[in-house]
Amino acid sequence: MIILGIDPGLVCTGWGIVAKSGSRISHVANGQIRTDKEGSMASRLLELDTTIARVIEIYRPDFGVVEEIFVNVNPQSTLKLGQARGAALLSLARAGLPVSEYPSKVVKKALVGTGGAAKEQVQHMLKVLLPGVKLAGADAADALAVAITHAHHVGSHI
């Protein structure tokens, strides 16, 4: 089973792919999509959609997983995050993938054991769970964490 995790963001969207075979989870790939801050909202969302579609075409995942948004103090930031998340969900749905969503606290608890874990703790656990992984950045790390969370949640059902 191949799982594509996505950590959406308008400035930077992280993606991470893991393979699950039995109880073993292994790293396949990870990366980040940085959109042009000077571009229009429409062109930035198109860039996200196009790049996610390319990742899907290359790696042929069986599942798509997206981190749920949290509400920022700044409503404009929350709105932009929601639009990036919508583009990611659309890309996954267009590819015909089953899509799951997990809140950040569930992801942190699945990897570290506590929903209040710091990003550094999550990244440390990723290096333990995926020995030798080279992370493309913090957003790619979050995307891998979302994918691993899904692998743990669906593990007993497949």
Protein backbone atom coordinates (compact mmCIF):
# COMPACT_ATOMS: atom_id res chain seq x y z
CA MET A 1 0.00 0.00 0.00
CA ILE A 2 1.35 3.42 -1.01
CA ILE A 3 0.15 6.46 0.96
CA LEU A 4 0.55 10.10 -0.10
CA GLY A 5 0.39 12.56 2.78
CA ILE A 6 -0.09 16.28 2.19
CA ASP A 7 0.53 19.20 4.55
CA PRO A 8 -1.22 22.04 2.72
CA GLY A 9 -0.08 25.63 2.65
CA LEU A 10 -0.25 28.41 0.08
CA VAL A 11 3.39 29.43 0.44
CA CYS A 12 4.65 25.88 0.86
CA THR A 13 2.80 22.57 0.62
CA GLY A 14 4.62 19.50 1.85
CA TRP A 15 4.11 16.03 0.41
CA GLY A 16 5.39 12.71 1.63
CA ILE A 17 4.95 9.14 0.45
CA VAL A 18 5.33 5.99 2.49
CA ALA A 19 4.86 2.33 1.62
CA LYS A 20 3.26 -0.08 4.07
CA SER A 21 3.83 -3.81 3.78
CA GLY A 22 2.45 -5.78 6.71
CA SER A 23 3.58 -3.85 9.77
CA ARG A 24 6.60 -2.35 8.00
CA ILE A 25 6.50 1.29 6.89
CA SER A 26 9.18 2.65 4.57
CA HIS A 27 9.95 6.01 3.03
CA VAL A 28 9.33 6.38 -0.71
CA ALA A 29 9.74 10.11 -1.37
CA ASN A 30 9.04 13.58 0.01
CA GLY A 31 9.14 17.14 -1.20
CA GLN A 32 7.76 20.64 -0.98
CA ILE A 33 5.82 22.77 -3.43
CA ARG A 34 6.65 26.46 -3.14
CA THR A 35 4.32 28.79 -4.98
CA ASP A 36 5.26 32.20 -6.36
CA LYS A 37 4.25 34.80 -3.77
CA GLU A 38 3.86 37.35 -6.56
CA GLY A 39 1.42 35.14 -8.48
CA SER A 40 -2.34 35.43 -8.38
CA MET A 41 -4.31 33.20 -6.04
CA ALA A 42 -5.64 31.27 -9.04
CA SER A 43 -2.17 30.64 -10.50
CA ARG A 44 -0.80 29.54 -7.12
CA LEU A 45 -3.66 27.07 -6.59
CA LEU A 46 -3.19 25.77 -10.14
CA GLU A 47 0.51 25.23 -9.39
CA LEU A 48 -0.40 23.19 -6.30
CA ASP A 49 -2.93 21.13 -8.23
CA THR A 50 -0.60 20.51 -11.17
CA THR A 51 2.34 19.48 -9.00
CA ILE A 52 0.27 17.19 -6.77
CA ALA A 53 -1.17 15.58 -9.91
CA ARG A 54 2.39 14.98 -11.16
CA VAL A 55 3.38 13.38 -7.82
CA ILE A 56 0.32 11.12 -8.05
CA GLU A 57 1.18 10.17 -11.64
CA ILE A 58 4.77 9.29 -10.72
CA TYR A 59 4.20 7.38 -7.47
CA ARG A 60 0.68 5.95 -8.00
CA PRO A 61 -0.48 6.06 -4.36
CA ASP A 62 -3.40 3.97 -3.13
CA PHE A 63 -4.53 6.57 -0.58
CA GLY A 64 -4.36 10.33 -0.14
CA VAL A 65 -4.21 11.91 3.31
CA VAL A 66 -4.44 15.60 4.16
CA GLU A 67 -3.77 17.32 7.45
CA GLU A 68 -6.84 19.17 8.69
CA ILE A 69 -6.54 22.91 9.08
CA PHE A 70 -6.37 24.67 12.37
CA VAL A 71 -7.82 28.13 12.84
CA ASN A 72 -5.15 30.81 12.92
CA VAL A 73 -5.50 34.04 14.83
CA ASN A 74 -5.36 35.77 11.44
CA PRO A 75 -8.54 35.03 9.44
CA GLN A 76 -6.75 35.84 6.14
CA SER A 77 -4.12 33.15 6.86
CA THR A 78 -6.84 30.63 7.69
CA LEU A 79 -8.66 31.42 4.45
CA LYS A 80 -5.48 31.01 2.36
CA LEU A 81 -4.67 27.74 4.10
CA GLY A 82 -8.20 26.53 3.41
CA GLN A 83 -7.85 27.35 -0.27
CA ALA A 84 -4.56 25.44 -0.52
CA ARG A 85 -6.18 22.53 1.31
CA GLY A 86 -9.08 22.60 -1.15
CA ALA A 87 -6.66 22.40 -4.09
CA ALA A 88 -4.95 19.38 -2.50
CA LEU A 89 -8.26 17.62 -1.82
CA LEU A 90 -9.39 18.29 -5.40
CA SER A 91 -6.16 16.83 -6.82
CA LEU A 92 -6.56 13.65 -4.77
CA ALA A 93 -10.27 13.30 -5.59
CA ARG A 94 -9.67 13.89 -9.31
CA ALA A 95 -7.15 11.02 -9.26
CA GLY A 96 -9.85 8.77 -7.78
CA LEU A 97 -8.00 8.21 -4.52
CA PRO A 98 -9.77 7.51 -1.24
CA VAL A 99 -9.00 10.54 0.92
CA SER A 100 -8.67 10.72 4.71
CA GLU A 101 -8.03 13.69 6.94
CA TYR A 102 -6.37 13.91 10.35
CA PRO A 103 -6.05 16.82 12.76
CA SER A 104 -2.55 17.84 13.79
CA LYS A 105 -3.07 16.59 17.37
CA VAL A 106 -3.92 13.08 16.12
CA VAL A 107 -0.82 13.07 13.90
CA LYS A 108 1.44 14.17 16.76
CA LYS A 109 -0.08 11.59 19.10
CA ALA A 110 0.37 8.81 16.50
CA LEU A 111 4.06 9.60 16.06
CA VAL A 112 5.22 10.94 19.42
CA GLY A 113 2.56 9.74 21.86
CA THR A 114 1.23 13.16 22.78
CA GLY A 115 -0.96 15.58 20.82
CA GLY A 116 1.04 18.53 22.12
CA ALA A 117 4.39 17.41 20.67
CA ALA A 118 6.71 20.01 19.15
CA LYS A 119 7.66 19.90 15.46
CA GLU A 120 11.19 18.90 16.45
CA GLN A 121 9.86 15.86 18.30
CA VAL A 122 7.84 14.80 15.25
CA GLN A 123 10.89 15.20 13.00
CA HIS A 124 13.01 13.18 15.42
CA MET A 125 10.46 10.33 15.40
CA LEU A 126 10.36 10.41 11.60
CA LYS A 127 14.10 9.77 11.56
CA VAL A 128 13.59 6.86 13.99
CA LEU A 129 10.69 5.37 12.01
CA LEU A 130 12.24 6.02 8.59
CA PRO A 131 15.99 5.46 9.06
CA GLY A 132 18.13 7.42 6.61
CA VAL A 133 15.28 9.67 5.47
CA LYS A 134 16.37 13.02 4.07
CA LEU A 135 13.60 15.51 4.73
CA ALA A 136 12.97 18.18 2.10
CA GLY A 137 11.86 20.53 4.91
CA ALA A 138 9.43 20.97 7.78
CA ASP A 139 6.32 20.81 5.56
CA ALA A 140 7.51 17.59 3.91
CA ALA A 141 8.15 16.16 7.40
CA ASP A 142 4.58 17.01 8.42
CA ALA A 143 3.27 15.36 5.25
CA LEU A 144 5.22 12.16 5.98
CA ALA A 145 3.83 12.22 9.53
CA VAL A 146 0.28 12.43 8.16
CA ALA A 147 0.97 9.50 5.81
CA ILE A 148 2.39 7.39 8.67
CA THR A 149 -0.63 8.24 10.83
CA HIS A 150 -2.89 6.88 8.11
CA ALA A 151 -0.73 3.75 7.76
CA HIS A 152 -1.22 3.09 11.48
CA HIS A 153 -4.97 3.74 11.33
CA VAL A 154 -5.68 1.52 8.33
CA GLY A 155 -3.16 -1.15 9.24
CA SER A 156 -5.57 -3.48 10.97
CA HIS A 157 -8.25 -3.13 8.27
CA ILE A 158 -6.20 -4.12 5.22
